[in-house]
Amino acid sequence: MNFRKINCGDIAIGVRFSAPVFFDDGENMFLAEGKSAKAYHLATLKRWKVPYLLSFGHIIRDFDANGVNKVEDEDVEELEDLEELDTL
């Protein structure tokens, strides 16, 4: 089985994957299966200038009745906490 290449631009807050996601070396895990990407995950990708990630899985799409991607409450709270830190 081969890894799928995931463009880091496709990673957004709340995105989850059906299998673990690894850095471009294919060995070091970036995100566990089913765990939501958080703001600090995105900041890490940007800071380290990671062009792509690898996974055997795919993005899990959770859409509400209006077709909007659902974001877990804990993700929103964490983002608000990070935004508050940015303004200090």
N, C-alpha and C. Protein backbone atom coordinates (compact mmCIF):
# COMPACT_ATOMS: atom_id res chain seq x y z
N MET A 1 0.85 -1.19 0.00
CA MET A 1 0.00 0.00 0.00
C MET A 1 0.89 1.24 0.00
N ASN A 2 0.53 2.21 -0.81
CA ASN A 2 1.32 3.43 -0.93
C ASN A 2 0.66 4.59 -0.19
N PHE A 3 1.50 5.48 0.29
CA PHE A 3 1.02 6.71 0.91
C PHE A 3 0.36 7.60 -0.13
N ARG A 4 -0.62 8.37 0.33
CA ARG A 4 -1.19 9.44 -0.48
C ARG A 4 -0.53 10.72 -0.05
N LYS A 5 -0.22 11.57 -0.99
CA LYS A 5 0.40 12.87 -0.72
C LYS A 5 -0.72 13.88 -0.47
N ILE A 6 -0.63 14.60 0.65
CA ILE A 6 -1.65 15.59 1.03
C ILE A 6 -1.01 16.97 1.03
N ASN A 7 -1.52 17.85 0.19
CA ASN A 7 -1.03 19.22 0.13
C ASN A 7 -1.38 19.91 1.45
N CYS A 8 -0.43 20.57 2.07
CA CYS A 8 -0.68 21.24 3.35
C CYS A 8 -1.73 22.34 3.23
N GLY A 9 -1.95 22.87 2.04
CA GLY A 9 -2.99 23.85 1.83
C GLY A 9 -4.39 23.26 2.00
N ASP A 10 -4.50 21.93 1.96
CA ASP A 10 -5.79 21.26 2.14
C ASP A 10 -6.11 21.01 3.61
N ILE A 11 -5.17 21.29 4.48
CA ILE A 11 -5.37 21.07 5.92
C ILE A 11 -5.97 22.34 6.52
N ALA A 12 -7.10 22.19 7.19
CA ALA A 12 -7.77 23.32 7.84
C ALA A 12 -8.17 22.90 9.25
N ILE A 13 -8.49 23.85 10.07
CA ILE A 13 -8.93 23.56 11.44
C ILE A 13 -10.16 22.66 11.37
N GLY A 14 -10.14 21.58 12.14
CA GLY A 14 -11.26 20.66 12.21
C GLY A 14 -11.17 19.49 11.25
N VAL A 15 -10.25 19.52 10.31
CA VAL A 15 -10.10 18.42 9.35
C VAL A 15 -9.62 17.18 10.09
N ARG A 16 -10.23 16.04 9.73
CA ARG A 16 -9.83 14.75 10.31
C ARG A 16 -9.50 13.78 9.17
N PHE A 17 -8.73 12.76 9.50
CA PHE A 17 -8.33 11.76 8.50
C PHE A 17 -8.70 10.36 8.96
N SER A 18 -8.92 9.48 8.00
CA SER A 18 -9.33 8.11 8.28
C SER A 18 -8.16 7.22 8.69
N ALA A 19 -6.95 7.73 8.62
CA ALA A 19 -5.75 7.01 9.02
C ALA A 19 -4.74 8.03 9.54
N PRO A 20 -3.72 7.59 10.27
CA PRO A 20 -2.71 8.55 10.75
C PRO A 20 -2.07 9.33 9.60
N VAL A 21 -1.66 10.55 9.90
CA VAL A 21 -1.02 11.41 8.91
C VAL A 21 0.43 11.62 9.36
N PHE A 22 1.35 11.49 8.42
CA PHE A 22 2.78 11.58 8.72
C PHE A 22 3.42 12.76 8.00
N PHE A 23 4.53 13.22 8.58
CA PHE A 23 5.33 14.23 7.88
C PHE A 23 5.90 13.61 6.62
N ASP A 24 6.54 14.40 5.79
CA ASP A 24 7.01 13.94 4.48
C ASP A 24 8.06 12.83 4.54
N ASP A 25 8.59 12.51 5.73
CA ASP A 25 9.53 11.40 5.85
C ASP A 25 8.81 10.05 5.92
N GLY A 26 7.49 10.07 6.15
CA GLY A 26 6.71 8.85 6.21
C GLY A 26 6.85 8.08 7.51
N GLU A 27 7.60 8.62 8.47
CA GLU A 27 7.84 7.92 9.73
C GLU A 27 7.30 8.68 10.94
N ASN A 28 7.47 9.98 10.97
CA ASN A 28 7.06 10.80 12.11
C ASN A 28 5.61 11.24 11.93
N MET A 29 4.78 10.87 12.93
CA MET A 29 3.35 11.15 12.83
C MET A 29 3.05 12.62 13.12
N PHE A 30 2.20 13.19 12.29
CA PHE A 30 1.75 14.57 12.44
C PHE A 30 0.40 14.60 13.17
N LEU A 31 -0.51 13.70 12.80
CA LEU A 31 -1.86 13.71 13.35
C LEU A 31 -2.39 12.28 13.41
N ALA A 32 -2.96 11.90 14.55
CA ALA A 32 -3.50 10.55 14.72
C ALA A 32 -4.81 10.38 13.95
N GLU A 33 -5.14 9.15 13.66
CA GLU A 33 -6.39 8.82 12.97
C GLU A 33 -7.59 9.38 13.73
N GLY A 34 -8.46 10.08 13.02
CA GLY A 34 -9.69 10.59 13.60
C GLY A 34 -9.56 11.84 14.45
N LYS A 35 -8.35 12.31 14.70
CA LYS A 35 -8.15 13.52 15.51
C LYS A 35 -8.25 14.76 14.63
N SER A 36 -8.87 15.81 15.16
CA SER A 36 -9.06 17.05 14.41
C SER A 36 -7.79 17.89 14.40
N ALA A 37 -7.50 18.48 13.24
CA ALA A 37 -6.39 19.43 13.14
C ALA A 37 -6.75 20.68 13.91
N LYS A 38 -5.82 21.17 14.68
CA LYS A 38 -6.01 22.36 15.51
C LYS A 38 -5.19 23.52 14.94
N ALA A 39 -5.41 24.70 15.46
CA ALA A 39 -4.69 25.88 14.99
C ALA A 39 -3.18 25.71 15.15
N TYR A 40 -2.76 25.09 16.24
CA TYR A 40 -1.32 24.92 16.44
C TYR A 40 -0.72 23.93 15.44
N HIS A 41 -1.52 22.97 14.94
CA HIS A 41 -1.03 22.08 13.89
C HIS A 41 -0.73 22.89 12.62
N LEU A 42 -1.67 23.77 12.27
CA LEU A 42 -1.49 24.60 11.07
C LEU A 42 -0.30 25.53 11.22
N ALA A 43 -0.14 26.08 12.41
CA ALA A 43 0.98 26.98 12.67
C ALA A 43 2.31 26.24 12.52
N THR A 44 2.34 24.99 12.98
CA THR A 44 3.56 24.18 12.85
C THR A 44 3.91 23.94 11.39
N LEU A 45 2.91 23.58 10.59
CA LEU A 45 3.17 23.36 9.16
C LEU A 45 3.73 24.61 8.50
N LYS A 46 3.16 25.75 8.85
CA LYS A 46 3.61 27.01 8.27
C LYS A 46 5.02 27.37 8.75
N ARG A 47 5.24 27.25 10.05
CA ARG A 47 6.54 27.61 10.63
C ARG A 47 7.66 26.73 10.08
N TRP A 48 7.38 25.43 9.94
CA TRP A 48 8.40 24.50 9.45
C TRP A 48 8.43 24.40 7.93
N LYS A 49 7.54 25.15 7.26
CA LYS A 49 7.47 25.18 5.80
C LYS A 49 7.35 23.77 5.21
N VAL A 50 6.41 22.99 5.76
CA VAL A 50 6.15 21.63 5.31
C VAL A 50 5.28 21.71 4.05
N PRO A 51 5.75 21.20 2.91
CA PRO A 51 4.98 21.32 1.67
C PRO A 51 3.84 20.31 1.56
N TYR A 52 4.03 19.11 2.13
CA TYR A 52 2.99 18.09 2.04
C TYR A 52 3.12 17.10 3.19
N LEU A 53 2.05 16.35 3.41
CA LEU A 53 2.01 15.29 4.41
C LEU A 53 1.67 13.99 3.70
N LEU A 54 1.79 12.87 4.41
CA LEU A 54 1.52 11.56 3.84
C LEU A 54 0.52 10.79 4.71
N SER A 55 -0.37 10.03 4.06
CA SER A 55 -1.32 9.20 4.80
C SER A 55 -1.81 8.07 3.89
N PHE A 56 -2.21 6.97 4.52
CA PHE A 56 -2.87 5.89 3.79
C PHE A 56 -4.36 6.19 3.69
N GLY A 57 -4.84 7.12 4.50
CA GLY A 57 -6.26 7.43 4.58
C GLY A 57 -6.67 8.61 3.72
N HIS A 58 -7.83 9.14 4.05
CA HIS A 58 -8.41 10.27 3.32
C HIS A 58 -9.04 11.23 4.32
N ILE A 59 -9.36 12.43 3.85
CA ILE A 59 -10.02 13.42 4.70
C ILE A 59 -11.43 12.93 5.01
N ILE A 60 -11.81 13.01 6.28
CA ILE A 60 -13.17 12.69 6.71
C ILE A 60 -13.96 13.98 6.66
N ARG A 61 -14.99 13.98 5.87
CA ARG A 61 -15.80 15.20 5.71
C ARG A 61 -17.05 15.09 6.58
N ASP A 62 -17.20 16.00 7.52
CA ASP A 62 -18.38 16.09 8.38
C ASP A 62 -19.13 17.36 8.02
N PHE A 63 -20.22 17.21 7.32
CA PHE A 63 -20.98 18.37 6.89
C PHE A 63 -22.33 18.41 7.60
N ASP A 64 -22.79 19.63 7.92
CA ASP A 64 -24.12 19.78 8.51
C ASP A 64 -25.14 19.85 7.38
N ALA A 65 -26.39 20.10 7.72
CA ALA A 65 -27.48 20.13 6.74
C ALA A 65 -27.30 21.21 5.68
N ASN A 66 -26.53 22.26 5.99
CA ASN A 66 -26.30 23.36 5.04
C ASN A 66 -25.05 23.14 4.19
N GLY A 67 -24.39 21.99 4.36
CA GLY A 67 -23.19 21.72 3.58
C GLY A 67 -21.94 22.37 4.14
N VAL A 68 -22.02 22.86 5.38
CA VAL A 68 -20.88 23.51 6.02
C VAL A 68 -20.11 22.47 6.82
N ASN A 69 -18.78 22.50 6.70
CA ASN A 69 -17.94 21.57 7.45
C ASN A 69 -18.07 21.87 8.93
N LYS A 70 -18.42 20.85 9.71
CA LYS A 70 -18.58 21.01 11.15
C LYS A 70 -17.21 21.13 11.82
N VAL A 71 -17.13 22.00 12.82
CA VAL A 71 -15.93 22.13 13.64
C VAL A 71 -16.35 21.82 15.06
N GLU A 72 -15.60 20.94 15.71
CA GLU A 72 -15.95 20.57 17.08
C GLU A 72 -15.84 21.77 18.00
N ASP A 73 -16.69 21.80 19.04
CA ASP A 73 -16.69 22.91 19.98
C ASP A 73 -15.32 23.15 20.59
N GLU A 74 -14.60 22.08 20.92
CA GLU A 74 -13.29 22.24 21.54
C GLU A 74 -12.32 22.93 20.60
N ASP A 75 -12.48 22.71 19.29
CA ASP A 75 -11.61 23.37 18.32
C ASP A 75 -11.86 24.88 18.31
N VAL A 76 -13.12 25.27 18.38
CA VAL A 76 -13.47 26.69 18.37
C VAL A 76 -12.94 27.36 19.62
N GLU A 77 -13.11 26.72 20.78
CA GLU A 77 -12.61 27.29 22.03
C GLU A 77 -11.10 27.45 21.99
N GLU A 78 -10.40 26.45 21.46
CA GLU A 78 -8.95 26.51 21.40
C GLU A 78 -8.51 27.63 20.46
N LEU A 79 -9.18 27.79 19.35
CA LEU A 79 -8.86 28.85 18.40
C LEU A 79 -9.06 30.21 19.05
N GLU A 80 -10.16 30.36 19.80
CA GLU A 80 -10.41 31.63 20.48
C GLU A 80 -9.30 31.92 21.49
N ASP A 81 -8.83 30.88 22.20
CA ASP A 81 -7.75 31.05 23.16
C ASP A 81 -6.48 31.51 22.44
N LEU A 82 -6.19 30.91 21.29
CA LEU A 82 -4.98 31.28 20.55
C LEU A 82 -5.09 32.70 20.00
N GLU A 83 -6.28 33.08 19.53
CA GLU A 83 -6.46 34.43 19.03
C GLU A 83 -6.29 35.44 20.13
N GLU A 84 -6.75 35.10 21.34
CA GLU A 84 -6.59 35.99 22.49
C GLU A 84 -5.11 36.19 22.80
N LEU A 85 -4.32 35.13 22.71
CA LEU A 85 -2.89 35.23 22.95
C LEU A 85 -2.20 36.10 21.91
N ASP A 86 -2.70 36.03 20.67
CA ASP A 86 -2.10 36.84 19.59
C ASP A 86 -2.30 38.34 19.84
N THR A 87 -3.37 38.72 20.53
CA THR A 87 -3.64 40.14 20.74
C THR A 87 -2.94 40.71 21.95
N LEU A 88 -2.32 39.85 22.75
CA LEU A 88 -1.62 40.34 23.95
C LEU A 88 -0.28 40.94 23.62
